[in-house]
Amino acid sequence: MKKSISISYNSSQGAPTIEQKVSGAAAEQLNQAAQEAGILLHQDEHLMSLLESLEQGEEIPESLYVLMAELISFSYLLQGKFPEHWHKDGNPIELEI
């Protein structure tokens, strides 16, 4: 059965929280809506099992949100997106992957 977990982060919070946990058709709909909105999706069974152990509204432990931040950063790099301060002599830094 397909499962999906959405997380949210507000800068006034200490850590990201579990926003929504769904399965089946609701997971399909959530994933479709996320894709249409341009939200990146990541599929990882181990990460999913760790996140599933948390309750809706619960903060994600630091070790997990650091991992998630690294995944998001890497996905941005793969898409050619870089922070504005990653410039050298006024030109963006180019990475060869």
PDB file of N, CA and C in Angstrom:
ATOM      1  N   MET A   1       0.836  -1.174   0.000  1.00  0.00           N
ATOM      2  CA  MET A   1       0.000   0.000   0.000  1.00  0.00           C
ATOM      3  C   MET A   1       0.887   1.246   0.000  1.00  0.00           C
ATOM      4  N   LYS A   2       0.555   2.195  -0.848  1.00  0.00           N
ATOM      5  CA  LYS A   2       1.309   3.435  -0.939  1.00  0.00           C
ATOM      6  C   LYS A   2       1.067   4.283   0.302  1.00  0.00           C
ATOM      7  N   LYS A   3       2.143   4.881   0.820  1.00  0.00           N
ATOM      8  CA  LYS A   3       2.053   5.752   1.983  1.00  0.00           C
ATOM      9  C   LYS A   3       2.742   7.068   1.657  1.00  0.00           C
ATOM     10  N   SER A   4       2.315   8.115   2.342  1.00  0.00           N
ATOM     11  CA  SER A   4       2.925   9.422   2.139  1.00  0.00           C
ATOM     12  C   SER A   4       2.884  10.199   3.446  1.00  0.00           C
ATOM     13  N   ILE A   5       3.954  10.914   3.713  1.00  0.00           N
ATOM     14  CA  ILE A   5       4.041  11.761   4.897  1.00  0.00           C
ATOM     15  C   ILE A   5       4.469  13.145   4.433  1.00  0.00           C
ATOM     16  N   SER A   6       3.725  14.153   4.857  1.00  0.00           N
ATOM     17  CA  SER A   6       4.125  15.524   4.549  1.00  0.00           C
ATOM     18  C   SER A   6       4.624  16.176   5.832  1.00  0.00           C
ATOM     19  N   ILE A   7       5.604  17.042   5.675  1.00  0.00           N
ATOM     20  CA  ILE A   7       6.162  17.748   6.817  1.00  0.00           C
ATOM     21  C   ILE A   7       5.999  19.242   6.597  1.00  0.00           C
ATOM     22  N   SER A   8       6.056  19.996   7.672  1.00  0.00           N
ATOM     23  CA  SER A   8       5.988  21.448   7.555  1.00  0.00           C
ATOM     24  C   SER A   8       7.025  22.065   8.475  1.00  0.00           C
ATOM     25  N   TYR A   9       7.400  23.286   8.140  1.00  0.00           N
ATOM     26  CA  TYR A   9       8.356  24.010   8.960  1.00  0.00           C
ATOM     27  C   TYR A   9       7.971  25.470   8.989  1.00  0.00           C
ATOM     28  N   ASN A  10       7.949  26.005  10.170  1.00  0.00           N
ATOM     29  CA  ASN A  10       7.700  27.422  10.389  1.00  0.00           C
ATOM     30  C   ASN A  10       8.905  27.929  11.167  1.00  0.00           C
ATOM     31  N   SER A  11       9.482  29.037  10.746  1.00  0.00           N
ATOM     32  CA  SER A  11      10.721  29.514  11.386  1.00  0.00           C
ATOM     33  C   SER A  11      10.547  29.803  12.873  1.00  0.00           C
ATOM     34  N   SER A  12       9.318  29.930  13.346  1.00  0.00           N
ATOM     35  CA  SER A  12       9.105  30.140  14.783  1.00  0.00           C
ATOM     36  C   SER A  12       9.126  28.821  15.558  1.00  0.00           C
ATOM     37  N   GLN A  13       9.157  27.687  14.830  1.00  0.00           N
ATOM     38  CA  GLN A  13       9.210  26.370  15.458  1.00  0.00           C
ATOM     39  C   GLN A  13      10.654  25.978  15.717  1.00  0.00           C
ATOM     40  N   GLY A  14      10.842  25.012  16.587  1.00  0.00           N
ATOM     41  CA  GLY A  14      12.176  24.502  16.833  1.00  0.00           C
ATOM     42  C   GLY A  14      12.650  23.557  15.751  1.00  0.00           C
ATOM     43  N   ALA A  15      11.724  22.794  15.161  1.00  0.00           N
ATOM     44  CA  ALA A  15      12.086  21.795  14.157  1.00  0.00           C
ATOM     45  C   ALA A  15      10.889  21.561  13.247  1.00  0.00           C
ATOM     46  N   PRO A  16      11.121  20.962  12.076  1.00  0.00           N
ATOM     47  CA  PRO A  16       9.983  20.583  11.226  1.00  0.00           C
ATOM     48  C   PRO A  16       9.082  19.604  11.965  1.00  0.00           C
ATOM     49  N   THR A  17       7.813  19.585  11.602  1.00  0.00           N
ATOM     50  CA  THR A  17       6.852  18.680  12.240  1.00  0.00           C
ATOM     51  C   THR A  17       6.162  17.816  11.190  1.00  0.00           C
ATOM     52  N   ILE A  18       5.600  16.702  11.664  1.00  0.00           N
ATOM     53  CA  ILE A  18       4.799  15.839  10.805  1.00  0.00           C
ATOM     54  C   ILE A  18       3.471  16.546  10.581  1.00  0.00           C
ATOM     55  N   GLU A  19       3.186  16.869   9.345  1.00  0.00           N
ATOM     56  CA  GLU A  19       1.961  17.582   9.001  1.00  0.00           C
ATOM     57  C   GLU A  19       0.812  16.613   8.734  1.00  0.00           C
ATOM     58  N   GLN A  20       1.110  15.593   7.941  1.00  0.00           N
ATOM     59  CA  GLN A  20       0.050  14.681   7.509  1.00  0.00           C
ATOM     60  C   GLN A  20       0.642  13.315   7.209  1.00  0.00           C
ATOM     61  N   LYS A  21      -0.064  12.254   7.608  1.00  0.00           N
ATOM     62  CA  LYS A  21       0.323  10.876   7.311  1.00  0.00           C
ATOM     63  C   LYS A  21      -0.884  10.206   6.668  1.00  0.00           C
ATOM     64  N   VAL A  22      -0.711   9.744   5.431  1.00  0.00           N
ATOM     65  CA  VAL A  22      -1.825   9.123   4.716  1.00  0.00           C
ATOM     66  C   VAL A  22      -1.347   7.875   3.990  1.00  0.00           C
ATOM     67  N   SER A  23      -2.303   7.048   3.589  1.00  0.00           N
ATOM     68  CA  SER A  23      -1.968   5.845   2.830  1.00  0.00           C
ATOM     69  C   SER A  23      -3.039   5.603   1.777  1.00  0.00           C
ATOM     70  N   GLY A  24      -2.737   4.667   0.871  1.00  0.00           N
ATOM     71  CA  GLY A  24      -3.694   4.292  -0.163  1.00  0.00           C
ATOM     72  C   GLY A  24      -3.990   5.420  -1.142  1.00  0.00           C
ATOM     73  N   ALA A  25      -5.269   5.575  -1.476  1.00  0.00           N
ATOM     74  CA  ALA A  25      -5.691   6.584  -2.457  1.00  0.00           C
ATOM     75  C   ALA A  25      -5.355   7.997  -1.985  1.00  0.00           C
ATOM     76  N   ALA A  26      -5.457   8.235  -0.676  1.00  0.00           N
ATOM     77  CA  ALA A  26      -5.128   9.565  -0.147  1.00  0.00           C
ATOM     78  C   ALA A  26      -3.647   9.883  -0.364  1.00  0.00           C
ATOM     79  N   ALA A  27      -2.780   8.869  -0.247  1.00  0.00           N
ATOM     80  CA  ALA A  27      -1.349   9.065  -0.506  1.00  0.00           C
ATOM     81  C   ALA A  27      -1.111   9.381  -1.973  1.00  0.00           C
ATOM     82  N   GLU A  28      -1.812   8.683  -2.858  1.00  0.00           N
ATOM     83  CA  GLU A  28      -1.702   8.953  -4.300  1.00  0.00           C
ATOM     84  C   GLU A  28      -2.098  10.398  -4.599  1.00  0.00           C
ATOM     85  N   GLN A  29      -3.205  10.849  -4.001  1.00  0.00           N
ATOM     86  CA  GLN A  29      -3.689  12.216  -4.220  1.00  0.00           C
ATOM     87  C   GLN A  29      -2.706  13.246  -3.671  1.00  0.00           C
ATOM     88  N   LEU A  30      -2.165  12.989  -2.478  1.00  0.00           N
ATOM     89  CA  LEU A  30      -1.199  13.913  -1.881  1.00  0.00           C
ATOM     90  C   LEU A  30       0.047  14.016  -2.745  1.00  0.00           C
ATOM     91  N   ASN A  31       0.558  12.878  -3.223  1.00  0.00           N
ATOM     92  CA  ASN A  31       1.750  12.884  -4.078  1.00  0.00           C
ATOM     93  C   ASN A  31       1.486  13.605  -5.392  1.00  0.00           C
ATOM     94  N   GLN A  32       0.315  13.381  -5.986  1.00  0.00           N
ATOM     95  CA  GLN A  32      -0.043  14.046  -7.242  1.00  0.00           C
ATOM     96  C   GLN A  32      -0.124  15.557  -7.045  1.00  0.00           C
ATOM     97  N   ALA A  33      -0.758  15.984  -5.967  1.00  0.00           N
ATOM     98  CA  ALA A  33      -0.884  17.422  -5.682  1.00  0.00           C
ATOM     99  C   ALA A  33       0.496  18.041  -5.450  1.00  0.00           C
ATOM    100  N   ALA A  34       1.365  17.328  -4.755  1.00  0.00           N
ATOM    101  CA  ALA A  34       2.720  17.825  -4.508  1.00  0.00           C
ATOM    102  C   ALA A  34       3.494  17.964  -5.813  1.00  0.00           C
ATOM    103  N   GLN A  35       3.398  16.960  -6.690  1.00  0.00           N
ATOM    104  CA  GLN A  35       4.087  17.021  -7.977  1.00  0.00           C
ATOM    105  C   GLN A  35       3.583  18.186  -8.815  1.00  0.00           C
ATOM    106  N   GLU A  36       2.272  18.379  -8.842  1.00  0.00           N
ATOM    107  CA  GLU A  36       1.692  19.479  -9.617  1.00  0.00           C
ATOM    108  C   GLU A  36       2.125  20.841  -9.074  1.00  0.00           C
ATOM    109  N   ALA A  37       2.378  20.908  -7.771  1.00  0.00           N
ATOM    110  CA  ALA A  37       2.818  22.154  -7.149  1.00  0.00           C
ATOM    111  C   ALA A  37       4.333  22.344  -7.232  1.00  0.00           C
ATOM    112  N   GLY A  38       5.028  21.368  -7.829  1.00  0.00           N
ATOM    113  CA  GLY A  38       6.477  21.471  -7.959  1.00  0.00           C
ATOM    114  C   GLY A  38       7.237  21.134  -6.694  1.00  0.00           C
ATOM    115  N   ILE A  39       6.581  20.451  -5.777  1.00  0.00           N
ATOM    116  CA  ILE A  39       7.221  20.047  -4.529  1.00  0.00           C
ATOM    117  C   ILE A  39       8.002  18.758  -4.770  1.00  0.00           C
ATOM    118  N   LEU A  40       9.238  18.746  -4.296  1.00  0.00           N
ATOM    119  CA  LEU A  40      10.079  17.570  -4.485  1.00  0.00           C
ATOM    120  C   LEU A  40       9.600  16.428  -3.601  1.00  0.00           C
ATOM    121  N   LEU A  41       9.570  15.236  -4.170  1.00  0.00           N
ATOM    122  CA  LEU A  41       9.201  14.031  -3.437  1.00  0.00           C
ATOM    123  C   LEU A  41      10.425  13.142  -3.324  1.00  0.00           C
ATOM    124  N   HIS A  42      10.565  12.492  -2.189  1.00  0.00           N
ATOM    125  CA  HIS A  42      11.692  11.579  -1.991  1.00  0.00           C
ATOM    126  C   HIS A  42      11.148  10.257  -1.478  1.00  0.00           C
ATOM    127  N   GLN A  43      11.559   9.171  -2.103  1.00  0.00           N
ATOM    128  CA  GLN A  43      11.100   7.845  -1.691  1.00  0.00           C
ATOM    129  C   GLN A  43      12.255   7.102  -1.045  1.00  0.00           C
ATOM    130  N   ASP A  44      12.074   6.750   0.228  1.00  0.00           N
ATOM    131  CA  ASP A  44      13.094   6.042   0.969  1.00  0.00           C
ATOM    132  C   ASP A  44      12.383   5.239   2.056  1.00  0.00           C
ATOM    133  N   GLU A  45      12.379   3.922   1.915  1.00  0.00           N
ATOM    134  CA  GLU A  45      11.639   3.061   2.845  1.00  0.00           C
ATOM    135  C   GLU A  45      12.126   3.209   4.286  1.00  0.00           C
ATOM    136  N   HIS A  46      13.435   3.315   4.465  1.00  0.00           N
ATOM    137  CA  HIS A  46      13.976   3.422   5.821  1.00  0.00           C
ATOM    138  C   HIS A  46      13.559   4.745   6.467  1.00  0.00           C
ATOM    139  N   LEU A  47      13.700   5.849   5.730  1.00  0.00           N
ATOM    140  CA  LEU A  47      13.285   7.154   6.243  1.00  0.00           C
ATOM    141  C   LEU A  47      11.787   7.153   6.532  1.00  0.00           C
ATOM    142  N   MET A  48      11.012   6.553   5.650  1.00  0.00           N
ATOM    143  CA  MET A  48       9.560   6.484   5.846  1.00  0.00           C
ATOM    144  C   MET A  48       9.233   5.747   7.142  1.00  0.00           C
ATOM    145  N   SER A  49       9.892   4.636   7.402  1.00  0.00           N
ATOM    146  CA  SER A  49       9.591   3.880   8.620  1.00  0.00           C
ATOM    147  C   SER A  49       9.942   4.692   9.867  1.00  0.00           C
ATOM    148  N   LEU A  50      11.015   5.468   9.806  1.00  0.00           N
ATOM    149  CA  LEU A  50      11.374   6.313  10.943  1.00  0.00           C
ATOM    150  C   LEU A  50      10.347   7.428  11.152  1.00  0.00           C
ATOM    151  N   LEU A  51       9.914   8.040  10.054  1.00  0.00           N
ATOM    152  CA  LEU A  51       8.922   9.124  10.154  1.00  0.00           C
ATOM    153  C   LEU A  51       7.554   8.593  10.581  1.00  0.00           C
ATOM    154  N   GLU A  52       7.230   7.370  10.161  1.00  0.00           N
ATOM    155  CA  GLU A  52       5.940   6.768  10.537  1.00  0.00           C
ATOM    156  C   GLU A  52       5.818   6.568  12.040  1.00  0.00           C
ATOM    157  N   SER A  53       6.939   6.435  12.726  1.00  0.00           N
ATOM    158  CA  SER A  53       6.894   6.223  14.173  1.00  0.00           C
ATOM    159  C   SER A  53       6.516   7.494  14.935  1.00  0.00           C
ATOM    160  N   LEU A  54       6.520   8.625  14.239  1.00  0.00           N
ATOM    161  CA  LEU A  54       6.159   9.896  14.864  1.00  0.00           C
ATOM    162  C   LEU A  54       4.674  10.177  14.683  1.00  0.00           C
ATOM    163  N   GLU A  55       4.105  10.933  15.606  1.00  0.00           N
ATOM    164  CA  GLU A  55       2.697  11.293  15.544  1.00  0.00           C
ATOM    165  C   GLU A  55       2.516  12.593  14.763  1.00  0.00           C
ATOM    166  N   GLN A  56       1.332  12.769  14.189  1.00  0.00           N
ATOM    167  CA  GLN A  56       1.025  14.007  13.482  1.00  0.00           C
ATOM    168  C   GLN A  56       1.191  15.176  14.449  1.00  0.00           C
ATOM    169  N   GLY A  57       1.873  16.231  14.005  1.00  0.00           N
ATOM    170  CA  GLY A  57       2.139  17.399  14.826  1.00  0.00           C
ATOM    171  C   GLY A  57       3.411  17.309  15.647  1.00  0.00           C
ATOM    172  N   GLU A  58       4.009  16.123  15.703  1.00  0.00           N
ATOM    173  CA  GLU A  58       5.233  15.921  16.491  1.00  0.00           C
ATOM    174  C   GLU A  58       6.450  16.469  15.743  1.00  0.00           C
ATOM    175  N   GLU A  59       7.391  17.063  16.508  1.00  0.00           N
ATOM    176  CA  GLU A  59       8.629  17.547  15.904  1.00  0.00           C
ATOM    177  C   GLU A  59       9.498  16.387  15.453  1.00  0.00           C
ATOM    178  N   ILE A  60      10.171  16.579  14.330  1.00  0.00           N
ATOM    179  CA  ILE A  60      11.086  15.567  13.800  1.00  0.00           C
ATOM    180  C   ILE A  60      12.405  15.684  14.561  1.00  0.00           C
ATOM    181  N   PRO A  61      12.953  14.579  15.049  1.00  0.00           N
ATOM    182  CA  PRO A  61      14.230  14.626  15.774  1.00  0.00           C
ATOM    183  C   PRO A  61      15.337  15.223  14.902  1.00  0.00           C
ATOM    184  N   GLU A  62      16.281  15.889  15.560  1.00  0.00           N
ATOM    185  CA  GLU A  62      17.348  16.587  14.843  1.00  0.00           C
ATOM    186  C   GLU A  62      18.089  15.690  13.858  1.00  0.00           C
ATOM    187  N   SER A  63      18.391  14.462  14.246  1.00  0.00           N
ATOM    188  CA  SER A  63      19.144  13.578  13.350  1.00  0.00           C
ATOM    189  C   SER A  63      18.395  13.336  12.046  1.00  0.00           C
ATOM    190  N   LEU A  64      17.063  13.274  12.108  1.00  0.00           N
ATOM    191  CA  LEU A  64      16.282  13.059  10.891  1.00  0.00           C
ATOM    192  C   LEU A  64      16.162  14.323  10.057  1.00  0.00           C
ATOM    193  N   TYR A  65      15.953  15.487  10.705  1.00  0.00           N
ATOM    194  CA  TYR A  65      15.797  16.675   9.869  1.00  0.00           C
ATOM    195  C   TYR A  65      17.121  17.130   9.273  1.00  0.00           C
ATOM    196  N   VAL A  66      18.246  16.792   9.897  1.00  0.00           N
ATOM    197  CA  VAL A  66      19.546  17.071   9.273  1.00  0.00           C
ATOM    198  C   VAL A  66      19.693  16.218   8.016  1.00  0.00           C
ATOM    199  N   LEU A  67      19.324  14.949   8.107  1.00  0.00           N
ATOM    200  CA  LEU A  67      19.357  14.057   6.944  1.00  0.00           C
ATOM    201  C   LEU A  67      18.448  14.601   5.836  1.00  0.00           C
ATOM    202  N   MET A  68      17.247  15.020   6.208  1.00  0.00           N
ATOM    203  CA  MET A  68      16.304  15.540   5.210  1.00  0.00           C
ATOM    204  C   MET A  68      16.838  16.823   4.573  1.00  0.00           C
ATOM    205  N   ALA A  69      17.479  17.685   5.348  1.00  0.00           N
ATOM    206  CA  ALA A  69      18.062  18.914   4.793  1.00  0.00           C
ATOM    207  C   ALA A  69      19.163  18.580   3.788  1.00  0.00           C
ATOM    208  N   GLU A  70      19.957  17.557   4.088  1.00  0.00           N
ATOM    209  CA  GLU A  70      21.001  17.133   3.153  1.00  0.00           C
ATOM    210  C   GLU A  70      20.401  16.592   1.864  1.00  0.00           C
ATOM    211  N   LEU A  71      19.324  15.829   1.964  1.00  0.00           N
ATOM    212  CA  LEU A  71      18.650  15.313   0.766  1.00  0.00           C
ATOM    213  C   LEU A  71      18.087  16.447  -0.081  1.00  0.00           C
ATOM    214  N   ILE A  72      17.469  17.420   0.568  1.00  0.00           N
ATOM    215  CA  ILE A  72      16.901  18.562  -0.159  1.00  0.00           C
ATOM    216  C   ILE A  72      18.010  19.361  -0.836  1.00  0.00           C
ATOM    217  N   SER A  73      19.098  19.606  -0.112  1.00  0.00           N
ATOM    218  CA  SER A  73      20.226  20.347  -0.692  1.00  0.00           C
ATOM    219  C   SER A  73      20.791  19.628  -1.907  1.00  0.00           C
ATOM    220  N   PHE A  74      20.965  18.330  -1.791  1.00  0.00           N
ATOM    221  CA  PHE A  74      21.507  17.548  -2.900  1.00  0.00           C
ATOM    222  C   PHE A  74      20.559  17.581  -4.097  1.00  0.00           C
ATOM    223  N   SER A  75      19.256  17.478  -3.854  1.00  0.00           N
ATOM    224  CA  SER A  75      18.304  17.507  -4.967  1.00  0.00           C
ATOM    225  C   SER A  75      18.332  18.861  -5.672  1.00  0.00           C
ATOM    226  N   TYR A  76      18.513  19.945  -4.914  1.00  0.00           N
ATOM    227  CA  TYR A  76      18.625  21.266  -5.540  1.00  0.00           C
ATOM    228  C   TYR A  76      19.879  21.337  -6.414  1.00  0.00           C
ATOM    229  N   LEU A  77      20.989  20.797  -5.912  1.00  0.00           N
ATOM    230  CA  LEU A  77      22.217  20.797  -6.709  1.00  0.00           C
ATOM    231  C   LEU A  77      22.025  20.032  -8.009  1.00  0.00           C
ATOM    232  N   LEU A  78      21.333  18.889  -7.946  1.00  0.00           N
ATOM    233  CA  LEU A  78      21.085  18.107  -9.148  1.00  0.00           C
ATOM    234  C   LEU A  78      20.225  18.867 -10.155  1.00  0.00           C
ATOM    235  N   GLN A  79      19.395  19.774  -9.668  1.00  0.00           N
ATOM    236  CA  GLN A  79      18.548  20.586 -10.543  1.00  0.00           C
ATOM    237  C   GLN A  79      19.256  21.863 -11.013  1.00  0.00           C
ATOM    238  N   GLY A  80      20.507  22.059 -10.570  1.00  0.00           N
ATOM    239  CA  GLY A  80      21.249  23.248 -10.966  1.00  0.00           C
ATOM    240  C   GLY A  80      20.881  24.482 -10.164  1.00  0.00           C
ATOM    241  N   LYS A  81      20.254  24.302  -9.017  1.00  0.00           N
ATOM    242  CA  LYS A  81      19.879  25.429  -8.161  1.00  0.00           C
ATOM    243  C   LYS A  81      20.926  25.610  -7.077  1.00  0.00           C
ATOM    244  N   PHE A  82      21.375  26.844  -6.885  1.00  0.00           N
ATOM    245  CA  PHE A  82      22.401  27.149  -5.904  1.00  0.00           C
ATOM    246  C   PHE A  82      21.993  28.382  -5.109  1.00  0.00           C
ATOM    247  N   PRO A  83      22.421  28.478  -3.850  1.00  0.00           N
ATOM    248  CA  PRO A  83      22.165  29.700  -3.080  1.00  0.00           C
ATOM    249  C   PRO A  83      22.839  30.889  -3.748  1.00  0.00           C
ATOM    250  N   GLU A  84      22.231  32.067  -3.604  1.00  0.00           N
ATOM    251  CA  GLU A  84      22.781  33.259  -4.262  1.00  0.00           C
ATOM    252  C   GLU A  84      24.219  33.552  -3.852  1.00  0.00           C
ATOM    253  N   HIS A  85      24.607  33.218  -2.630  1.00  0.00           N
ATOM    254  CA  HIS A  85      25.955  33.532  -2.170  1.00  0.00           C
ATOM    255  C   HIS A  85      27.010  32.565  -2.714  1.00  0.00           C
ATOM    256  N   TRP A  86      26.605  31.579  -3.517  1.00  0.00           N
ATOM    257  CA  TRP A  86      27.550  30.649  -4.120  1.00  0.00           C
ATOM    258  C   TRP A  86      28.055  31.199  -5.455  1.00  0.00           C
ATOM    259  N   HIS A  87      28.637  32.350  -5.416  1.00  0.00           N
ATOM    260  CA  HIS A  87      29.162  32.980  -6.631  1.00  0.00           C
ATOM    261  C   HIS A  87      30.629  33.306  -6.417  1.00  0.00           C
ATOM    262  N   LYS A  88      31.370  33.214  -7.484  1.00  0.00           N
ATOM    263  CA  LYS A  88      32.785  33.556  -7.444  1.00  0.00           C
ATOM    264  C   LYS A  88      33.013  34.605  -8.523  1.00  0.00           C
ATOM    265  N   ASP A  89      33.542  35.748  -8.151  1.00  0.00           N
ATOM    266  CA  ASP A  89      33.794  36.837  -9.091  1.00  0.00           C
ATOM    267  C   ASP A  89      32.527  37.231  -9.849  1.00  0.00           C
ATOM    268  N   GLY A  90      31.386  37.174  -9.181  1.00  0.00           N
ATOM    269  CA  GLY A  90      30.133  37.564  -9.811  1.00  0.00           C
ATOM    270  C   GLY A  90      29.510  36.496 -10.688  1.00  0.00           C
ATOM    271  N   ASN A  91      30.172  35.361 -10.860  1.00  0.00           N
ATOM    272  CA  ASN A  91      29.640  34.284 -11.692  1.00  0.00           C
ATOM    273  C   ASN A  91      29.284  33.082 -10.825  1.00  0.00           C
ATOM    274  N   PRO A  92      28.191  32.409 -11.177  1.00  0.00           N
ATOM    275  CA  PRO A  92      27.833  31.221 -10.388  1.00  0.00           C
ATOM    276  C   PRO A  92      28.910  30.144 -10.477  1.00  0.00           C
ATOM    277  N   ILE A  93      29.065  29.415  -9.403  1.00  0.00           N
ATOM    278  CA  ILE A  93      29.988  28.279  -9.384  1.00  0.00           C
ATOM    279  C   ILE A  93      29.343  27.145 -10.164  1.00  0.00           C
ATOM    280  N   GLU A  94      30.091  26.498 -11.025  1.00  0.00           N
ATOM    281  CA  GLU A  94      29.566  25.378 -11.787  1.00  0.00           C
ATOM    282  C   GLU A  94      30.148  24.085 -11.254  1.00  0.00           C
ATOM    283  N   LEU A  95      29.251  23.129 -11.025  1.00  0.00           N
ATOM    284  CA  LEU A  95      29.681  21.818 -10.553  1.00  0.00           C
ATOM    285  C   LEU A  95      29.485  20.809 -11.663  1.00  0.00           C
ATOM    286  N   GLU A  96      30.434  19.911 -11.802  1.00  0.00           N
ATOM    287  CA  GLU A  96      30.285  18.821 -12.749  1.00  0.00           C
ATOM    288  C   GLU A  96      29.918  17.585 -11.976  1.00  0.00           C
ATOM    289  N   ILE A  97      28.774  17.015 -12.309  1.00  0.00           N
ATOM    290  CA  ILE A  97      28.292  15.835 -11.602  1.00  0.00           C
ATOM    291  C   ILE A  97      28.305  14.652 -12.554  1.00  0.00           C
TER     292      ILE A  97
END
